[in-house]
Amino acid sequence: MSPLQFQKQLRLQEARRLMLSEDLDAAEAGYRVGYDDASHFSREYKRHFGEPPMRDVERLRELATA
């Protein structure tokens, strides 16, 4: 993994954490971790985690309460 790939992974994981713990929407979480374009953030997120941001967060919340 290149340093840029590692940085992207960290940013996406932090955005996921922000959406879960601070109840942010995808655009705000992406902006906070350095993405200026919400659609670019969503594409990168889906590529990394396999689902769009809000669907992923909803699934994780359901798993946490089950």
PDB file of N, CA and C in Angstrom:
ATOM      1  N   MET A   1       0.853  -1.177   0.000  1.00  0.00           N
ATOM      2  CA  MET A   1       0.000   0.000   0.000  1.00  0.00           C
ATOM      3  C   MET A   1       0.900   1.243   0.000  1.00  0.00           C
ATOM      4  N   SER A   2       0.591   2.142  -0.890  1.00  0.00           N
ATOM      5  CA  SER A   2       1.385   3.369  -0.983  1.00  0.00           C
ATOM      6  C   SER A   2       0.994   4.328   0.142  1.00  0.00           C
ATOM      7  N   PRO A   3       1.843   5.309   0.419  1.00  0.00           N
ATOM      8  CA  PRO A   3       1.479   6.302   1.446  1.00  0.00           C
ATOM      9  C   PRO A   3       0.165   7.022   1.130  1.00  0.00           C
ATOM     10  N   LEU A   4      -0.100   7.311  -0.131  1.00  0.00           N
ATOM     11  CA  LEU A   4      -1.357   7.971  -0.486  1.00  0.00           C
ATOM     12  C   LEU A   4      -2.553   7.060  -0.242  1.00  0.00           C
ATOM     13  N   GLN A   5      -2.417   5.787  -0.562  1.00  0.00           N
ATOM     14  CA  GLN A   5      -3.501   4.837  -0.306  1.00  0.00           C
ATOM     15  C   GLN A   5      -3.755   4.710   1.200  1.00  0.00           C
ATOM     16  N   PHE A   6      -2.678   4.685   1.969  1.00  0.00           N
ATOM     17  CA  PHE A   6      -2.806   4.593   3.417  1.00  0.00           C
ATOM     18  C   PHE A   6      -3.518   5.823   3.965  1.00  0.00           C
ATOM     19  N   GLN A   7      -3.140   7.009   3.486  1.00  0.00           N
ATOM     20  CA  GLN A   7      -3.783   8.242   3.922  1.00  0.00           C
ATOM     21  C   GLN A   7      -5.271   8.235   3.576  1.00  0.00           C
ATOM     22  N   LYS A   8      -5.600   7.790   2.364  1.00  0.00           N
ATOM     23  CA  LYS A   8      -6.999   7.726   1.954  1.00  0.00           C
ATOM     24  C   LYS A   8      -7.772   6.773   2.869  1.00  0.00           C
ATOM     25  N   GLN A   9      -7.182   5.629   3.181  1.00  0.00           N
ATOM     26  CA  GLN A   9      -7.833   4.665   4.065  1.00  0.00           C
ATOM     27  C   GLN A   9      -8.101   5.280   5.434  1.00  0.00           C
ATOM     28  N   LEU A  10      -7.126   5.993   5.979  1.00  0.00           N
ATOM     29  CA  LEU A  10      -7.319   6.637   7.276  1.00  0.00           C
ATOM     30  C   LEU A  10      -8.430   7.683   7.228  1.00  0.00           C
ATOM     31  N   ARG A  11      -8.452   8.475   6.156  1.00  0.00           N
ATOM     32  CA  ARG A  11      -9.482   9.501   6.017  1.00  0.00           C
ATOM     33  C   ARG A  11     -10.873   8.877   5.934  1.00  0.00           C
ATOM     34  N   LEU A  12     -11.005   7.792   5.181  1.00  0.00           N
ATOM     35  CA  LEU A  12     -12.300   7.139   5.046  1.00  0.00           C
ATOM     36  C   LEU A  12     -12.739   6.504   6.358  1.00  0.00           C
ATOM     37  N   GLN A  13     -11.816   5.905   7.081  1.00  0.00           N
ATOM     38  CA  GLN A  13     -12.157   5.311   8.375  1.00  0.00           C
ATOM     39  C   GLN A  13     -12.576   6.379   9.381  1.00  0.00           C
ATOM     40  N   GLU A  14     -11.898   7.537   9.341  1.00  0.00           N
ATOM     41  CA  GLU A  14     -12.276   8.628  10.234  1.00  0.00           C
ATOM     42  C   GLU A  14     -13.651   9.173   9.866  1.00  0.00           C
ATOM     43  N   ALA A  15     -13.933   9.288   8.591  1.00  0.00           N
ATOM     44  CA  ALA A  15     -15.259   9.752   8.162  1.00  0.00           C
ATOM     45  C   ALA A  15     -16.334   8.777   8.643  1.00  0.00           C
ATOM     46  N   ARG A  16     -16.064   7.491   8.542  1.00  0.00           N
ATOM     47  CA  ARG A  16     -17.011   6.483   9.021  1.00  0.00           C
ATOM     48  C   ARG A  16     -17.245   6.652  10.519  1.00  0.00           C
ATOM     49  N   ARG A  17     -16.170   6.855  11.260  1.00  0.00           N
ATOM     50  CA  ARG A  17     -16.282   7.051  12.704  1.00  0.00           C
ATOM     51  C   ARG A  17     -17.115   8.297  13.027  1.00  0.00           C
ATOM     52  N   LEU A  18     -16.882   9.382  12.282  1.00  0.00           N
ATOM     53  CA  LEU A  18     -17.635  10.614  12.508  1.00  0.00           C
ATOM     54  C   LEU A  18     -19.120  10.419  12.233  1.00  0.00           C
ATOM     55  N   MET A  19     -19.445   9.701  11.169  1.00  0.00           N
ATOM     56  CA  MET A  19     -20.858   9.464  10.859  1.00  0.00           C
ATOM     57  C   MET A  19     -21.522   8.622  11.940  1.00  0.00           C
ATOM     58  N   LEU A  20     -20.790   7.674  12.489  1.00  0.00           N
ATOM     59  CA  LEU A  20     -21.356   6.809  13.524  1.00  0.00           C
ATOM     60  C   LEU A  20     -21.438   7.508  14.878  1.00  0.00           C
ATOM     61  N   SER A  21     -20.368   8.168  15.286  1.00  0.00           N
ATOM     62  CA  SER A  21     -20.315   8.699  16.648  1.00  0.00           C
ATOM     63  C   SER A  21     -20.900  10.099  16.773  1.00  0.00           C
ATOM     64  N   GLU A  22     -20.807  10.912  15.718  1.00  0.00           N
ATOM     65  CA  GLU A  22     -21.299  12.290  15.803  1.00  0.00           C
ATOM     66  C   GLU A  22     -22.549  12.506  14.955  1.00  0.00           C
ATOM     67  N   ASP A  23     -23.053  11.427  14.363  1.00  0.00           N
ATOM     68  CA  ASP A  23     -24.291  11.462  13.583  1.00  0.00           C
ATOM     69  C   ASP A  23     -24.234  12.497  12.444  1.00  0.00           C
ATOM     70  N   LEU A  24     -23.079  12.590  11.790  1.00  0.00           N
ATOM     71  CA  LEU A  24     -22.929  13.506  10.660  1.00  0.00           C
ATOM     72  C   LEU A  24     -23.446  12.852   9.392  1.00  0.00           C
ATOM     73  N   ASP A  25     -23.881  13.684   8.438  1.00  0.00           N
ATOM     74  CA  ASP A  25     -24.216  13.123   7.134  1.00  0.00           C
ATOM     75  C   ASP A  25     -22.918  12.917   6.345  1.00  0.00           C
ATOM     76  N   ALA A  26     -23.041  12.234   5.225  1.00  0.00           N
ATOM     77  CA  ALA A  26     -21.856  11.862   4.448  1.00  0.00           C
ATOM     78  C   ALA A  26     -21.099  13.088   3.949  1.00  0.00           C
ATOM     79  N   ALA A  27     -21.809  14.091   3.483  1.00  0.00           N
ATOM     80  CA  ALA A  27     -21.143  15.278   2.948  1.00  0.00           C
ATOM     81  C   ALA A  27     -20.316  15.977   4.022  1.00  0.00           C
ATOM     82  N   GLU A  28     -20.886  16.128   5.215  1.00  0.00           N
ATOM     83  CA  GLU A  28     -20.168  16.810   6.301  1.00  0.00           C
ATOM     84  C   GLU A  28     -18.978  15.987   6.773  1.00  0.00           C
ATOM     85  N   ALA A  29     -19.156  14.680   6.902  1.00  0.00           N
ATOM     86  CA  ALA A  29     -18.043  13.825   7.321  1.00  0.00           C
ATOM     87  C   ALA A  29     -16.916  13.873   6.284  1.00  0.00           C
ATOM     88  N   GLY A  30     -17.276  13.793   5.014  1.00  0.00           N
ATOM     89  CA  GLY A  30     -16.273  13.875   3.960  1.00  0.00           C
ATOM     90  C   GLY A  30     -15.531  15.195   3.985  1.00  0.00           C
ATOM     91  N   TYR A  31     -16.271  16.273   4.182  1.00  0.00           N
ATOM     92  CA  TYR A  31     -15.655  17.598   4.247  1.00  0.00           C
ATOM     93  C   TYR A  31     -14.683  17.680   5.420  1.00  0.00           C
ATOM     94  N   ARG A  32     -15.069  17.139   6.558  1.00  0.00           N
ATOM     95  CA  ARG A  32     -14.215  17.209   7.759  1.00  0.00           C
ATOM     96  C   ARG A  32     -12.914  16.434   7.604  1.00  0.00           C
ATOM     97  N   VAL A  33     -12.916  15.402   6.772  1.00  0.00           N
ATOM     98  CA  VAL A  33     -11.673  14.635   6.588  1.00  0.00           C
ATOM     99  C   VAL A  33     -10.907  15.052   5.336  1.00  0.00           C
ATOM    100  N   GLY A  34     -11.382  16.121   4.667  1.00  0.00           N
ATOM    101  CA  GLY A  34     -10.586  16.688   3.592  1.00  0.00           C
ATOM    102  C   GLY A  34     -11.117  16.559   2.181  1.00  0.00           C
ATOM    103  N   TYR A  35     -12.320  16.027   2.011  1.00  0.00           N
ATOM    104  CA  TYR A  35     -12.904  15.937   0.675  1.00  0.00           C
ATOM    105  C   TYR A  35     -13.728  17.191   0.409  1.00  0.00           C
ATOM    106  N   ASP A  36     -13.450  17.868  -0.702  1.00  0.00           N
ATOM    107  CA  ASP A  36     -14.207  19.061  -1.073  1.00  0.00           C
ATOM    108  C   ASP A  36     -15.474  18.719  -1.845  1.00  0.00           C
ATOM    109  N   ASP A  37     -15.493  17.554  -2.468  1.00  0.00           N
ATOM    110  CA  ASP A  37     -16.600  17.148  -3.329  1.00  0.00           C
ATOM    111  C   ASP A  37     -17.312  15.939  -2.712  1.00  0.00           C
ATOM    112  N   ALA A  38     -18.571  16.134  -2.319  1.00  0.00           N
ATOM    113  CA  ALA A  38     -19.319  15.065  -1.646  1.00  0.00           C
ATOM    114  C   ALA A  38     -19.477  13.836  -2.534  1.00  0.00           C
ATOM    115  N   SER A  39     -19.682  14.026  -3.837  1.00  0.00           N
ATOM    116  CA  SER A  39     -19.868  12.855  -4.705  1.00  0.00           C
ATOM    117  C   SER A  39     -18.563  12.079  -4.858  1.00  0.00           C
ATOM    118  N   HIS A  40     -17.440  12.786  -4.893  1.00  0.00           N
ATOM    119  CA  HIS A  40     -16.144  12.104  -4.951  1.00  0.00           C
ATOM    120  C   HIS A  40     -15.917  11.306  -3.671  1.00  0.00           C
ATOM    121  N   PHE A  41     -16.248  11.912  -2.528  1.00  0.00           N
ATOM    122  CA  PHE A  41     -16.137  11.199  -1.256  1.00  0.00           C
ATOM    123  C   PHE A  41     -16.997   9.937  -1.259  1.00  0.00           C
ATOM    124  N   SER A  42     -18.240  10.053  -1.714  1.00  0.00           N
ATOM    125  CA  SER A  42     -19.136   8.896  -1.728  1.00  0.00           C
ATOM    126  C   SER A  42     -18.609   7.780  -2.619  1.00  0.00           C
ATOM    127  N   ARG A  43     -18.064   8.143  -3.776  1.00  0.00           N
ATOM    128  CA  ARG A  43     -17.490   7.126  -4.670  1.00  0.00           C
ATOM    129  C   ARG A  43     -16.303   6.421  -4.017  1.00  0.00           C
ATOM    130  N   GLU A  44     -15.408   7.205  -3.408  1.00  0.00           N
ATOM    131  CA  GLU A  44     -14.246   6.616  -2.736  1.00  0.00           C
ATOM    132  C   GLU A  44     -14.680   5.726  -1.565  1.00  0.00           C
ATOM    133  N   TYR A  45     -15.665   6.183  -0.826  1.00  0.00           N
ATOM    134  CA  TYR A  45     -16.177   5.425   0.318  1.00  0.00           C
ATOM    135  C   TYR A  45     -16.745   4.085  -0.147  1.00  0.00           C
ATOM    136  N   LYS A  46     -17.574   4.137  -1.187  1.00  0.00           N
ATOM    137  CA  LYS A  46     -18.174   2.903  -1.699  1.00  0.00           C
ATOM    138  C   LYS A  46     -17.102   1.952  -2.224  1.00  0.00           C
ATOM    139  N   ARG A  47     -16.104   2.483  -2.883  1.00  0.00           N
ATOM    140  CA  ARG A  47     -15.015   1.645  -3.394  1.00  0.00           C
ATOM    141  C   ARG A  47     -14.278   0.966  -2.246  1.00  0.00           C
ATOM    142  N   HIS A  48     -14.105   1.683  -1.145  1.00  0.00           N
ATOM    143  CA  HIS A  48     -13.349   1.143  -0.011  1.00  0.00           C
ATOM    144  C   HIS A  48     -14.181   0.187   0.860  1.00  0.00           C
ATOM    145  N   PHE A  49     -15.406   0.587   1.198  1.00  0.00           N
ATOM    146  CA  PHE A  49     -16.224  -0.197   2.131  1.00  0.00           C
ATOM    147  C   PHE A  49     -17.275  -1.076   1.457  1.00  0.00           C
ATOM    148  N   GLY A  50     -17.519  -0.874   0.160  1.00  0.00           N
ATOM    149  CA  GLY A  50     -18.456  -1.733  -0.556  1.00  0.00           C
ATOM    150  C   GLY A  50     -19.893  -1.260  -0.585  1.00  0.00           C
ATOM    151  N   GLU A  51     -20.213  -0.205   0.154  1.00  0.00           N
ATOM    152  CA  GLU A  51     -21.566   0.346   0.176  1.00  0.00           C
ATOM    153  C   GLU A  51     -21.466   1.864   0.244  1.00  0.00           C
ATOM    154  N   PRO A  52     -22.503   2.573  -0.216  1.00  0.00           N
ATOM    155  CA  PRO A  52     -22.523   4.033  -0.048  1.00  0.00           C
ATOM    156  C   PRO A  52     -22.469   4.385   1.440  1.00  0.00           C
ATOM    157  N   PRO A  53     -21.989   5.564   1.772  1.00  0.00           N
ATOM    158  CA  PRO A  53     -21.765   5.912   3.185  1.00  0.00           C
ATOM    159  C   PRO A  53     -22.961   5.719   4.100  1.00  0.00           C
ATOM    160  N   MET A  54     -24.113   6.276   3.770  1.00  0.00           N
ATOM    161  CA  MET A  54     -25.221   6.193   4.715  1.00  0.00           C
ATOM    162  C   MET A  54     -25.769   4.774   4.840  1.00  0.00           C
ATOM    163  N   ARG A  55     -25.757   4.009   3.768  1.00  0.00           N
ATOM    164  CA  ARG A  55     -26.207   2.612   3.853  1.00  0.00           C
ATOM    165  C   ARG A  55     -25.265   1.813   4.758  1.00  0.00           C
ATOM    166  N   ASP A  56     -23.977   2.062   4.617  1.00  0.00           N
ATOM    167  CA  ASP A  56     -22.985   1.377   5.447  1.00  0.00           C
ATOM    168  C   ASP A  56     -23.188   1.728   6.917  1.00  0.00           C
ATOM    169  N   VAL A  57     -23.370   2.996   7.201  1.00  0.00           N
ATOM    170  CA  VAL A  57     -23.547   3.438   8.586  1.00  0.00           C
ATOM    171  C   VAL A  57     -24.843   2.870   9.177  1.00  0.00           C
ATOM    172  N   GLU A  58     -25.910   2.862   8.396  1.00  0.00           N
ATOM    173  CA  GLU A  58     -27.169   2.276   8.886  1.00  0.00           C
ATOM    174  C   GLU A  58     -26.993   0.794   9.207  1.00  0.00           C
ATOM    175  N   ARG A  59     -26.281   0.079   8.324  1.00  0.00           N
ATOM    176  CA  ARG A  59     -26.037  -1.349   8.560  1.00  0.00           C
ATOM    177  C   ARG A  59     -25.216  -1.556   9.839  1.00  0.00           C
ATOM    178  N   LEU A  60     -24.179  -0.734  10.030  1.00  0.00           N
ATOM    179  CA  LEU A  60     -23.351  -0.863  11.225  1.00  0.00           C
ATOM    180  C   LEU A  60     -24.159  -0.566  12.490  1.00  0.00           C
ATOM    181  N   ARG A  61     -25.047   0.409  12.423  1.00  0.00           N
ATOM    182  CA  ARG A  61     -25.893   0.719  13.593  1.00  0.00           C
ATOM    183  C   ARG A  61     -26.828  -0.427  13.911  1.00  0.00           C
ATOM    184  N   GLU A  62     -27.385  -1.043  12.860  1.00  0.00           N
ATOM    185  CA  GLU A  62     -28.270  -2.192  13.075  1.00  0.00           C
ATOM    186  C   GLU A  62     -27.523  -3.340  13.701  1.00  0.00           C
ATOM    187  N   LEU A  63     -26.294  -3.588  13.236  1.00  0.00           N
ATOM    188  CA  LEU A  63     -25.487  -4.662  13.827  1.00  0.00           C
ATOM    189  C   LEU A  63     -25.165  -4.391  15.292  1.00  0.00           C
ATOM    190  N   ALA A  64     -24.949  -3.128  15.614  1.00  0.00           N
ATOM    191  CA  ALA A  64     -24.593  -2.762  16.994  1.00  0.00           C
ATOM    192  C   ALA A  64     -25.768  -2.943  17.949  1.00  0.00           C
ATOM    193  N   THR A  65     -26.993  -2.811  17.448  1.00  0.00           N
ATOM    194  CA  THR A  65     -28.154  -2.930  18.314  1.00  0.00           C
ATOM    195  C   THR A  65     -28.739  -4.342  18.325  1.00  0.00           C
ATOM    196  N   ALA A  66     -28.269  -5.183  17.439  1.00  0.00           N
ATOM    197  CA  ALA A  66     -28.819  -6.544  17.344  1.00  0.00           C
ATOM    198  C   ALA A  66     -28.238  -7.456  18.403  1.00  0.00           C
TER     199      ALA A  66
END
